[in-house]
Amino acid sequence: MFWSGEKNAEGKTDIVWILKKMRVIPASMKHQVSEKYESLFLSDKVNGRKLANTYLHDIANKFRGV
């Protein structure tokens, strides 16, 4: 999983949040999701992080409770 180490307004990184979301994604899809996350993150210098995190959040929600 790509992770830039950037910090949010509270001075925390996204790694704990990312790993929490990745836990619910099936092993067979983790690589694909990681690749898409990285692609989105790097696609836009201003909004890439938000795009990638929104994507990961939406995908993880699909598998929550399955």
PDB file of N, CA and C in Angstrom:
ATOM      1  N   MET A   1       0.855  -1.182   0.000  1.00  0.00           N
ATOM      2  CA  MET A   1       0.000   0.000   0.000  1.00  0.00           C
ATOM      3  C   MET A   1       0.890   1.231   0.000  1.00  0.00           C
ATOM      4  N   PHE A   2       0.633   2.123  -0.910  1.00  0.00           N
ATOM      5  CA  PHE A   2       1.340   3.398  -0.983  1.00  0.00           C
ATOM      6  C   PHE A   2       0.915   4.273   0.181  1.00  0.00           C
ATOM      7  N   TRP A   3       1.877   4.943   0.763  1.00  0.00           N
ATOM      8  CA  TRP A   3       1.585   5.865   1.853  1.00  0.00           C
ATOM      9  C   TRP A   3       2.644   6.949   1.830  1.00  0.00           C
ATOM     10  N   SER A   4       2.224   8.186   1.755  1.00  0.00           N
ATOM     11  CA  SER A   4       3.171   9.289   1.565  1.00  0.00           C
ATOM     12  C   SER A   4       3.808   9.790   2.846  1.00  0.00           C
ATOM     13  N   GLY A   5       3.170   9.562   3.973  1.00  0.00           N
ATOM     14  CA  GLY A   5       3.682  10.090   5.231  1.00  0.00           C
ATOM     15  C   GLY A   5       3.223  11.507   5.516  1.00  0.00           C
ATOM     16  N   GLU A   6       2.397  12.066   4.628  1.00  0.00           N
ATOM     17  CA  GLU A   6       1.859  13.409   4.872  1.00  0.00           C
ATOM     18  C   GLU A   6       1.054  13.414   6.159  1.00  0.00           C
ATOM     19  N   LYS A   7       1.020  14.560   6.805  1.00  0.00           N
ATOM     20  CA  LYS A   7       0.262  14.683   8.051  1.00  0.00           C
ATOM     21  C   LYS A   7      -0.962  15.561   7.840  1.00  0.00           C
ATOM     22  N   ASN A   8      -2.022  15.228   8.575  1.00  0.00           N
ATOM     23  CA  ASN A   8      -3.253  16.010   8.485  1.00  0.00           C
ATOM     24  C   ASN A   8      -3.177  17.214   9.422  1.00  0.00           C
ATOM     25  N   ALA A   9      -4.263  17.922   9.576  1.00  0.00           N
ATOM     26  CA  ALA A   9      -4.296  19.140  10.392  1.00  0.00           C
ATOM     27  C   ALA A   9      -3.937  18.878  11.850  1.00  0.00           C
ATOM     28  N   GLU A  10      -4.211  17.654  12.332  1.00  0.00           N
ATOM     29  CA  GLU A  10      -3.880  17.316  13.723  1.00  0.00           C
ATOM     30  C   GLU A  10      -2.453  16.802  13.866  1.00  0.00           C
ATOM     31  N   GLY A  11      -1.701  16.772  12.773  1.00  0.00           N
ATOM     32  CA  GLY A  11      -0.327  16.304  12.814  1.00  0.00           C
ATOM     33  C   GLY A  11      -0.189  14.790  12.769  1.00  0.00           C
ATOM     34  N   LYS A  12      -1.268  14.100  12.394  1.00  0.00           N
ATOM     35  CA  LYS A  12      -1.247  12.641  12.317  1.00  0.00           C
ATOM     36  C   LYS A  12      -1.175  12.208  10.860  1.00  0.00           C
ATOM     37  N   THR A  13      -0.564  11.050  10.641  1.00  0.00           N
ATOM     38  CA  THR A  13      -0.533  10.498   9.292  1.00  0.00           C
ATOM     39  C   THR A  13      -1.765   9.626   9.071  1.00  0.00           C
ATOM     40  N   ASP A  14      -1.966   9.217   7.831  1.00  0.00           N
ATOM     41  CA  ASP A  14      -3.127   8.400   7.474  1.00  0.00           C
ATOM     42  C   ASP A  14      -2.898   6.901   7.656  1.00  0.00           C
ATOM     43  N   ILE A  15      -1.695   6.477   8.034  1.00  0.00           N
ATOM     44  CA  ILE A  15      -1.369   5.052   7.998  1.00  0.00           C
ATOM     45  C   ILE A  15      -2.310   4.195   8.844  1.00  0.00           C
ATOM     46  N   VAL A  16      -2.656   4.611  10.035  1.00  0.00           N
ATOM     47  CA  VAL A  16      -3.552   3.816  10.887  1.00  0.00           C
ATOM     48  C   VAL A  16      -4.924   3.706  10.228  1.00  0.00           C
ATOM     49  N   TRP A  17      -5.415   4.803   9.704  1.00  0.00           N
ATOM     50  CA  TRP A  17      -6.711   4.818   9.017  1.00  0.00           C
ATOM     51  C   TRP A  17      -6.676   3.917   7.779  1.00  0.00           C
ATOM     52  N   ILE A  18      -5.604   4.011   6.991  1.00  0.00           N
ATOM     53  CA  ILE A  18      -5.464   3.196   5.784  1.00  0.00           C
ATOM     54  C   ILE A  18      -5.460   1.712   6.133  1.00  0.00           C
ATOM     55  N   LEU A  19      -4.666   1.330   7.123  1.00  0.00           N
ATOM     56  CA  LEU A  19      -4.586  -0.080   7.514  1.00  0.00           C
ATOM     57  C   LEU A  19      -5.917  -0.598   8.041  1.00  0.00           C
ATOM     58  N   LYS A  20      -6.633   0.238   8.753  1.00  0.00           N
ATOM     59  CA  LYS A  20      -7.960  -0.147   9.254  1.00  0.00           C
ATOM     60  C   LYS A  20      -8.900  -0.432   8.083  1.00  0.00           C
ATOM     61  N   LYS A  21      -8.887   0.418   7.082  1.00  0.00           N
ATOM     62  CA  LYS A  21      -9.736   0.217   5.906  1.00  0.00           C
ATOM     63  C   LYS A  21      -9.315  -1.031   5.131  1.00  0.00           C
ATOM     64  N   MET A  22      -8.018  -1.256   4.992  1.00  0.00           N
ATOM     65  CA  MET A  22      -7.520  -2.399   4.230  1.00  0.00           C
ATOM     66  C   MET A  22      -7.857  -3.734   4.891  1.00  0.00           C
ATOM     67  N   ARG A  23      -8.045  -3.738   6.199  1.00  0.00           N
ATOM     68  CA  ARG A  23      -8.358  -4.992   6.906  1.00  0.00           C
ATOM     69  C   ARG A  23      -9.634  -5.650   6.408  1.00  0.00           C
ATOM     70  N   VAL A  24     -10.609  -4.877   5.968  1.00  0.00           N
ATOM     71  CA  VAL A  24     -11.897  -5.451   5.558  1.00  0.00           C
ATOM     72  C   VAL A  24     -11.939  -5.838   4.077  1.00  0.00           C
ATOM     73  N   ILE A  25     -10.907  -5.493   3.339  1.00  0.00           N
ATOM     74  CA  ILE A  25     -10.858  -5.806   1.912  1.00  0.00           C
ATOM     75  C   ILE A  25     -10.308  -7.223   1.742  1.00  0.00           C
ATOM     76  N   PRO A  26     -10.969  -8.051   0.938  1.00  0.00           N
ATOM     77  CA  PRO A  26     -10.504  -9.425   0.732  1.00  0.00           C
ATOM     78  C   PRO A  26      -9.061  -9.464   0.214  1.00  0.00           C
ATOM     79  N   ALA A  27      -8.315 -10.456   0.669  1.00  0.00           N
ATOM     80  CA  ALA A  27      -6.909 -10.596   0.276  1.00  0.00           C
ATOM     81  C   ALA A  27      -6.745 -10.611  -1.242  1.00  0.00           C
ATOM     82  N   SER A  28      -7.687 -11.221  -1.922  1.00  0.00           N
ATOM     83  CA  SER A  28      -7.596 -11.323  -3.383  1.00  0.00           C
ATOM     84  C   SER A  28      -7.715  -9.972  -4.087  1.00  0.00           C
ATOM     85  N   MET A  29      -8.178  -8.950  -3.380  1.00  0.00           N
ATOM     86  CA  MET A  29      -8.368  -7.626  -3.982  1.00  0.00           C
ATOM     87  C   MET A  29      -7.394  -6.571  -3.457  1.00  0.00           C
ATOM     88  N   LYS A  30      -6.626  -6.908  -2.426  1.00  0.00           N
ATOM     89  CA  LYS A  30      -5.773  -5.899  -1.784  1.00  0.00           C
ATOM     90  C   LYS A  30      -4.772  -5.265  -2.740  1.00  0.00           C
ATOM     91  N   HIS A  31      -4.150  -6.068  -3.587  1.00  0.00           N
ATOM     92  CA  HIS A  31      -3.168  -5.510  -4.515  1.00  0.00           C
ATOM     93  C   HIS A  31      -3.835  -4.538  -5.489  1.00  0.00           C
ATOM     94  N   GLN A  32      -4.958  -4.943  -6.038  1.00  0.00           N
ATOM     95  CA  GLN A  32      -5.694  -4.095  -6.984  1.00  0.00           C
ATOM     96  C   GLN A  32      -6.117  -2.785  -6.323  1.00  0.00           C
ATOM     97  N   VAL A  33      -6.632  -2.861  -5.113  1.00  0.00           N
ATOM     98  CA  VAL A  33      -7.066  -1.663  -4.384  1.00  0.00           C
ATOM     99  C   VAL A  33      -5.864  -0.769  -4.087  1.00  0.00           C
ATOM    100  N   SER A  34      -4.750  -1.382  -3.694  1.00  0.00           N
ATOM    101  CA  SER A  34      -3.538  -0.606  -3.408  1.00  0.00           C
ATOM    102  C   SER A  34      -3.040   0.132  -4.640  1.00  0.00           C
ATOM    103  N   GLU A  35      -3.048  -0.565  -5.771  1.00  0.00           N
ATOM    104  CA  GLU A  35      -2.606   0.055  -7.022  1.00  0.00           C
ATOM    105  C   GLU A  35      -3.495   1.245  -7.399  1.00  0.00           C
ATOM    106  N   LYS A  36      -4.794   1.067  -7.266  1.00  0.00           N
ATOM    107  CA  LYS A  36      -5.737   2.145  -7.591  1.00  0.00           C
ATOM    108  C   LYS A  36      -5.555   3.318  -6.631  1.00  0.00           C
ATOM    109  N   TYR A  37      -5.368   3.020  -5.335  1.00  0.00           N
ATOM    110  CA  TYR A  37      -5.149   4.059  -4.329  1.00  0.00           C
ATOM    111  C   TYR A  37      -3.919   4.896  -4.711  1.00  0.00           C
ATOM    112  N   GLU A  38      -2.825   4.206  -5.029  1.00  0.00           N
ATOM    113  CA  GLU A  38      -1.598   4.910  -5.395  1.00  0.00           C
ATOM    114  C   GLU A  38      -1.797   5.755  -6.649  1.00  0.00           C
ATOM    115  N   SER A  39      -2.474   5.198  -7.631  1.00  0.00           N
ATOM    116  CA  SER A  39      -2.729   5.919  -8.876  1.00  0.00           C
ATOM    117  C   SER A  39      -3.518   7.205  -8.623  1.00  0.00           C
ATOM    118  N   LEU A  40      -4.556   7.100  -7.822  1.00  0.00           N
ATOM    119  CA  LEU A  40      -5.364   8.282  -7.493  1.00  0.00           C
ATOM    120  C   LEU A  40      -4.554   9.302  -6.699  1.00  0.00           C
ATOM    121  N   PHE A  41      -3.793   8.820  -5.734  1.00  0.00           N
ATOM    122  CA  PHE A  41      -3.003   9.710  -4.888  1.00  0.00           C
ATOM    123  C   PHE A  41      -2.033  10.542  -5.728  1.00  0.00           C
ATOM    124  N   LEU A  42      -1.389   9.879  -6.671  1.00  0.00           N
ATOM    125  CA  LEU A  42      -0.371  10.551  -7.479  1.00  0.00           C
ATOM    126  C   LEU A  42      -0.939  11.318  -8.673  1.00  0.00           C
ATOM    127  N   SER A  43      -2.235  11.175  -8.926  1.00  0.00           N
ATOM    128  CA  SER A  43      -2.841  11.783 -10.112  1.00  0.00           C
ATOM    129  C   SER A  43      -3.071  13.285  -9.997  1.00  0.00           C
ATOM    130  N   ASP A  44      -3.067  13.807  -8.799  1.00  0.00           N
ATOM    131  CA  ASP A  44      -3.416  15.214  -8.598  1.00  0.00           C
ATOM    132  C   ASP A  44      -2.674  15.733  -7.372  1.00  0.00           C
ATOM    133  N   LYS A  45      -1.774  16.682  -7.576  1.00  0.00           N
ATOM    134  CA  LYS A  45      -0.965  17.189  -6.459  1.00  0.00           C
ATOM    135  C   LYS A  45      -1.791  17.862  -5.377  1.00  0.00           C
ATOM    136  N   VAL A  46      -2.904  18.440  -5.750  1.00  0.00           N
ATOM    137  CA  VAL A  46      -3.736  19.158  -4.786  1.00  0.00           C
ATOM    138  C   VAL A  46      -4.763  18.234  -4.137  1.00  0.00           C
ATOM    139  N   ASN A  47      -5.460  17.444  -4.941  1.00  0.00           N
ATOM    140  CA  ASN A  47      -6.579  16.639  -4.438  1.00  0.00           C
ATOM    141  C   ASN A  47      -6.327  15.139  -4.419  1.00  0.00           C
ATOM    142  N   GLY A  48      -5.135  14.696  -4.762  1.00  0.00           N
ATOM    143  CA  GLY A  48      -4.858  13.266  -4.866  1.00  0.00           C
ATOM    144  C   GLY A  48      -5.101  12.496  -3.583  1.00  0.00           C
ATOM    145  N   ARG A  49      -4.661  13.042  -2.469  1.00  0.00           N
ATOM    146  CA  ARG A  49      -4.854  12.367  -1.183  1.00  0.00           C
ATOM    147  C   ARG A  49      -6.337  12.186  -0.883  1.00  0.00           C
ATOM    148  N   LYS A  50      -7.105  13.230  -1.100  1.00  0.00           N
ATOM    149  CA  LYS A  50      -8.553  13.154  -0.853  1.00  0.00           C
ATOM    150  C   LYS A  50      -9.215  12.151  -1.794  1.00  0.00           C
ATOM    151  N   LEU A  51      -8.849  12.175  -3.063  1.00  0.00           N
ATOM    152  CA  LEU A  51      -9.406  11.223  -4.027  1.00  0.00           C
ATOM    153  C   LEU A  51      -9.099   9.784  -3.616  1.00  0.00           C
ATOM    154  N   ALA A  52      -7.851   9.538  -3.245  1.00  0.00           N
ATOM    155  CA  ALA A  52      -7.430   8.191  -2.861  1.00  0.00           C
ATOM    156  C   ALA A  52      -8.127   7.733  -1.586  1.00  0.00           C
ATOM    157  N   ASN A  53      -8.204   8.612  -0.598  1.00  0.00           N
ATOM    158  CA  ASN A  53      -8.842   8.234   0.664  1.00  0.00           C
ATOM    159  C   ASN A  53     -10.346   8.031   0.504  1.00  0.00           C
ATOM    160  N   THR A  54     -10.980   8.825  -0.343  1.00  0.00           N
ATOM    161  CA  THR A  54     -12.408   8.638  -0.610  1.00  0.00           C
ATOM    162  C   THR A  54     -12.637   7.295  -1.295  1.00  0.00           C
ATOM    163  N   TYR A  55     -11.798   6.973  -2.264  1.00  0.00           N
ATOM    164  CA  TYR A  55     -11.886   5.678  -2.945  1.00  0.00           C
ATOM    165  C   TYR A  55     -11.747   4.530  -1.941  1.00  0.00           C
ATOM    166  N   LEU A  56     -10.721   4.588  -1.104  1.00  0.00           N
ATOM    167  CA  LEU A  56     -10.490   3.514  -0.137  1.00  0.00           C
ATOM    168  C   LEU A  56     -11.652   3.399   0.842  1.00  0.00           C
ATOM    169  N   HIS A  57     -12.156   4.517   1.300  1.00  0.00           N
ATOM    170  CA  HIS A  57     -13.303   4.526   2.214  1.00  0.00           C
ATOM    171  C   HIS A  57     -14.519   3.851   1.567  1.00  0.00           C
ATOM    172  N   ASP A  58     -14.806   4.209   0.331  1.00  0.00           N
ATOM    173  CA  ASP A  58     -15.966   3.651  -0.373  1.00  0.00           C
ATOM    174  C   ASP A  58     -15.817   2.147  -0.608  1.00  0.00           C
ATOM    175  N   ILE A  59     -14.629   1.713  -1.015  1.00  0.00           N
ATOM    176  CA  ILE A  59     -14.388   0.280  -1.245  1.00  0.00           C
ATOM    177  C   ILE A  59     -14.506  -0.488   0.068  1.00  0.00           C
ATOM    178  N   ALA A  60     -13.907   0.017   1.125  1.00  0.00           N
ATOM    179  CA  ALA A  60     -13.956  -0.668   2.423  1.00  0.00           C
ATOM    180  C   ALA A  60     -15.390  -0.791   2.922  1.00  0.00           C
ATOM    181  N   ASN A  61     -16.190   0.231   2.712  1.00  0.00           N
ATOM    182  CA  ASN A  61     -17.592   0.185   3.149  1.00  0.00           C
ATOM    183  C   ASN A  61     -18.377  -0.917   2.445  1.00  0.00           C
ATOM    184  N   LYS A  62     -18.000  -1.245   1.222  1.00  0.00           N
ATOM    185  CA  LYS A  62     -18.680  -2.315   0.494  1.00  0.00           C
ATOM    186  C   LYS A  62     -18.464  -3.676   1.152  1.00  0.00           C
ATOM    187  N   PHE A  63     -17.335  -3.842   1.831  1.00  0.00           N
ATOM    188  CA  PHE A  63     -17.001  -5.132   2.431  1.00  0.00           C
ATOM    189  C   PHE A  63     -17.251  -5.187   3.934  1.00  0.00           C
ATOM    190  N   ARG A  64     -17.564  -4.074   4.511  1.00  0.00           N
ATOM    191  CA  ARG A  64     -17.826  -4.047   5.949  1.00  0.00           C
ATOM    192  C   ARG A  64     -19.078  -4.867   6.240  1.00  0.00           C
ATOM    193  N   GLY A  65     -18.960  -5.797   7.153  1.00  0.00           N
ATOM    194  CA  GLY A  65     -20.100  -6.617   7.541  1.00  0.00           C
ATOM    195  C   GLY A  65     -20.365  -7.801   6.631  1.00  0.00           C
ATOM    196  N   VAL A  66     -19.489  -8.008   5.639  1.00  0.00           N
ATOM    197  CA  VAL A  66     -19.676  -9.147   4.720  1.00  0.00           C
ATOM    198  C   VAL A  66     -19.055 -10.376   5.330  1.00  0.00           C
TER     199      VAL A  66
END
